[in-house]
């Protein structure tokens, strides 16, 4: 997945992108969430590969499953 999803501070301010292209992971996820099929994505964006879509989904799954620590500060 690391070869497919990366970030570059000069492209979309470092947001995760697909294979160094100007195509954000969030865009792939947004298209899928709107009901677009994998086949439609691959047809509309021929430079994407099936493995790119899989990598985007894995990236999102890993981000969601990332543990979040909640720290409460004592007001005293």
C-alpha atoms as a PDB file:
ATOM      1  CA  UNK A   1       0.000   0.000   0.000  1.00  0.00           C
ATOM      2  CA  UNK A   2       2.855   2.391   0.737  1.00  0.00           C
ATOM      3  CA  UNK A   3       3.909   2.301  -2.896  1.00  0.00           C
ATOM      4  CA  UNK A   4       0.411   3.295  -3.971  1.00  0.00           C
ATOM      5  CA  UNK A   5      -0.592   5.831  -1.303  1.00  0.00           C
ATOM      6  CA  UNK A   6       1.810   8.601  -0.446  1.00  0.00           C
ATOM      7  CA  UNK A   7       1.902  12.311   0.143  1.00  0.00           C
ATOM      8  CA  UNK A   8       3.878  15.188  -1.235  1.00  0.00           C
ATOM      9  CA  UNK A   9       3.795  18.576   0.495  1.00  0.00           C
ATOM     10  CA  UNK A  10       3.693  20.220  -2.939  1.00  0.00           C
ATOM     11  CA  UNK A  11       0.596  18.303  -4.066  1.00  0.00           C
ATOM     12  CA  UNK A  12      -2.666  19.142  -2.268  1.00  0.00           C
ATOM     13  CA  UNK A  13      -0.704  20.349   0.781  1.00  0.00           C
ATOM     14  CA  UNK A  14       0.491  16.848   1.609  1.00  0.00           C
ATOM     15  CA  UNK A  15      -2.901  15.122   1.625  1.00  0.00           C
ATOM     16  CA  UNK A  16      -2.733  11.397   0.774  1.00  0.00           C
ATOM     17  CA  UNK A  17      -2.616  10.827  -2.985  1.00  0.00           C
ATOM     18  CA  UNK A  18      -2.536   7.872  -5.349  1.00  0.00           C
ATOM     19  CA  UNK A  19       0.912   6.960  -6.718  1.00  0.00           C
ATOM     20  CA  UNK A  20       2.204  10.522  -6.644  1.00  0.00           C
ATOM     21  CA  UNK A  21      -0.512  11.696  -9.032  1.00  0.00           C
ATOM     22  CA  UNK A  22      -2.775  14.649  -8.490  1.00  0.00           C
ATOM     23  CA  UNK A  23      -5.553  12.293  -7.397  1.00  0.00           C
ATOM     24  CA  UNK A  24      -6.494  12.320  -3.722  1.00  0.00           C
ATOM     25  CA  UNK A  25      -7.426   9.240  -1.734  1.00  0.00           C
ATOM     26  CA  UNK A  26     -10.410  11.261  -0.499  1.00  0.00           C
ATOM     27  CA  UNK A  27     -11.595  11.660  -4.098  1.00  0.00           C
ATOM     28  CA  UNK A  28     -11.562   7.900  -4.690  1.00  0.00           C
ATOM     29  CA  UNK A  29     -13.453   7.342  -1.441  1.00  0.00           C
ATOM     30  CA  UNK A  30     -15.927  10.104  -2.272  1.00  0.00           C
ATOM     31  CA  UNK A  31     -16.692   8.653  -5.693  1.00  0.00           C
ATOM     32  CA  UNK A  32     -17.264   5.217  -4.182  1.00  0.00           C
ATOM     33  CA  UNK A  33     -19.444   6.666  -1.416  1.00  0.00           C
ATOM     34  CA  UNK A  34     -21.574   8.471  -3.999  1.00  0.00           C
ATOM     35  CA  UNK A  35     -22.382   5.124  -5.607  1.00  0.00           C
ATOM     36  CA  UNK A  36     -19.816   4.999  -8.394  1.00  0.00           C
ATOM     37  CA  UNK A  37     -18.668   1.446  -9.104  1.00  0.00           C
ATOM     38  CA  UNK A  38     -15.076   0.317  -9.417  1.00  0.00           C
ATOM     39  CA  UNK A  39     -15.666  -0.234 -13.129  1.00  0.00           C
ATOM     40  CA  UNK A  40     -16.987   3.311 -13.570  1.00  0.00           C
ATOM     41  CA  UNK A  41     -14.006   4.724 -11.697  1.00  0.00           C
ATOM     42  CA  UNK A  42     -11.560   2.768 -13.831  1.00  0.00           C
ATOM     43  CA  UNK A  43     -13.342   3.821 -17.032  1.00  0.00           C
ATOM     44  CA  UNK A  44     -13.627   7.511 -16.098  1.00  0.00           C
ATOM     45  CA  UNK A  45     -10.055   7.651 -14.785  1.00  0.00           C
ATOM     46  CA  UNK A  46      -8.059   5.221 -16.949  1.00  0.00           C
ATOM     47  CA  UNK A  47      -4.802   6.040 -15.145  1.00  0.00           C
ATOM     48  CA  UNK A  48      -6.216   4.442 -11.971  1.00  0.00           C
ATOM     49  CA  UNK A  49      -5.685   0.747 -11.387  1.00  0.00           C
ATOM     50  CA  UNK A  50      -7.758  -1.712  -9.375  1.00  0.00           C
ATOM     51  CA  UNK A  51      -4.912  -1.932  -6.861  1.00  0.00           C
ATOM     52  CA  UNK A  52      -5.139   1.844  -6.370  1.00  0.00           C
ATOM     53  CA  UNK A  53      -8.763   1.556  -5.285  1.00  0.00           C
ATOM     54  CA  UNK A  54      -7.941  -1.309  -2.944  1.00  0.00           C
ATOM     55  CA  UNK A  55      -5.081   0.720  -1.476  1.00  0.00           C
ATOM     56  CA  UNK A  56      -7.405   3.691  -0.870  1.00  0.00           C
ATOM     57  CA  UNK A  57      -9.890   1.497   0.966  1.00  0.00           C
ATOM     58  CA  UNK A  58      -7.141  -0.104   3.067  1.00  0.00           C
ATOM     59  CA  UNK A  59      -5.714   3.328   3.842  1.00  0.00           C
ATOM     60  CA  UNK A  60      -9.117   4.530   5.068  1.00  0.00           C
ATOM     61  CA  UNK A  61      -9.690   1.360   7.091  1.00  0.00           C
ATOM     62  CA  UNK A  62      -6.318   1.767   8.789  1.00  0.00           C
ATOM     63  CA  UNK A  63      -7.052   5.415   9.610  1.00  0.00           C
ATOM     64  CA  UNK A  64     -10.425   4.588  11.131  1.00  0.00           C
ATOM     65  CA  UNK A  65      -8.977   1.783  13.224  1.00  0.00           C
ATOM     66  CA  UNK A  66      -6.174   3.994  14.542  1.00  0.00           C
ATOM     67  CA  UNK A  67      -6.412   4.270  18.333  1.00  0.00           C
ATOM     68  CA  UNK A  68      -7.301   7.685  19.668  1.00  0.00           C
ATOM     69  CA  UNK A  69      -6.254   8.693  23.143  1.00  0.00           C
ATOM     70  CA  UNK A  70      -8.532  10.963  25.144  1.00  0.00           C
ATOM     71  CA  UNK A  71      -6.721  12.916  27.806  1.00  0.00           C
ATOM     72  CA  UNK A  72      -8.623  14.861  30.421  1.00  0.00           C
ATOM     73  CA  UNK A  73      -6.810  17.720  32.072  1.00  0.00           C
ATOM     74  CA  UNK A  74      -7.414  18.438  35.721  1.00  0.00           C
ATOM     75  CA  UNK A  75      -8.839  21.963  36.035  1.00  0.00           C
ATOM     76  CA  UNK A  76      -7.274  22.409  39.460  1.00  0.00           C
END
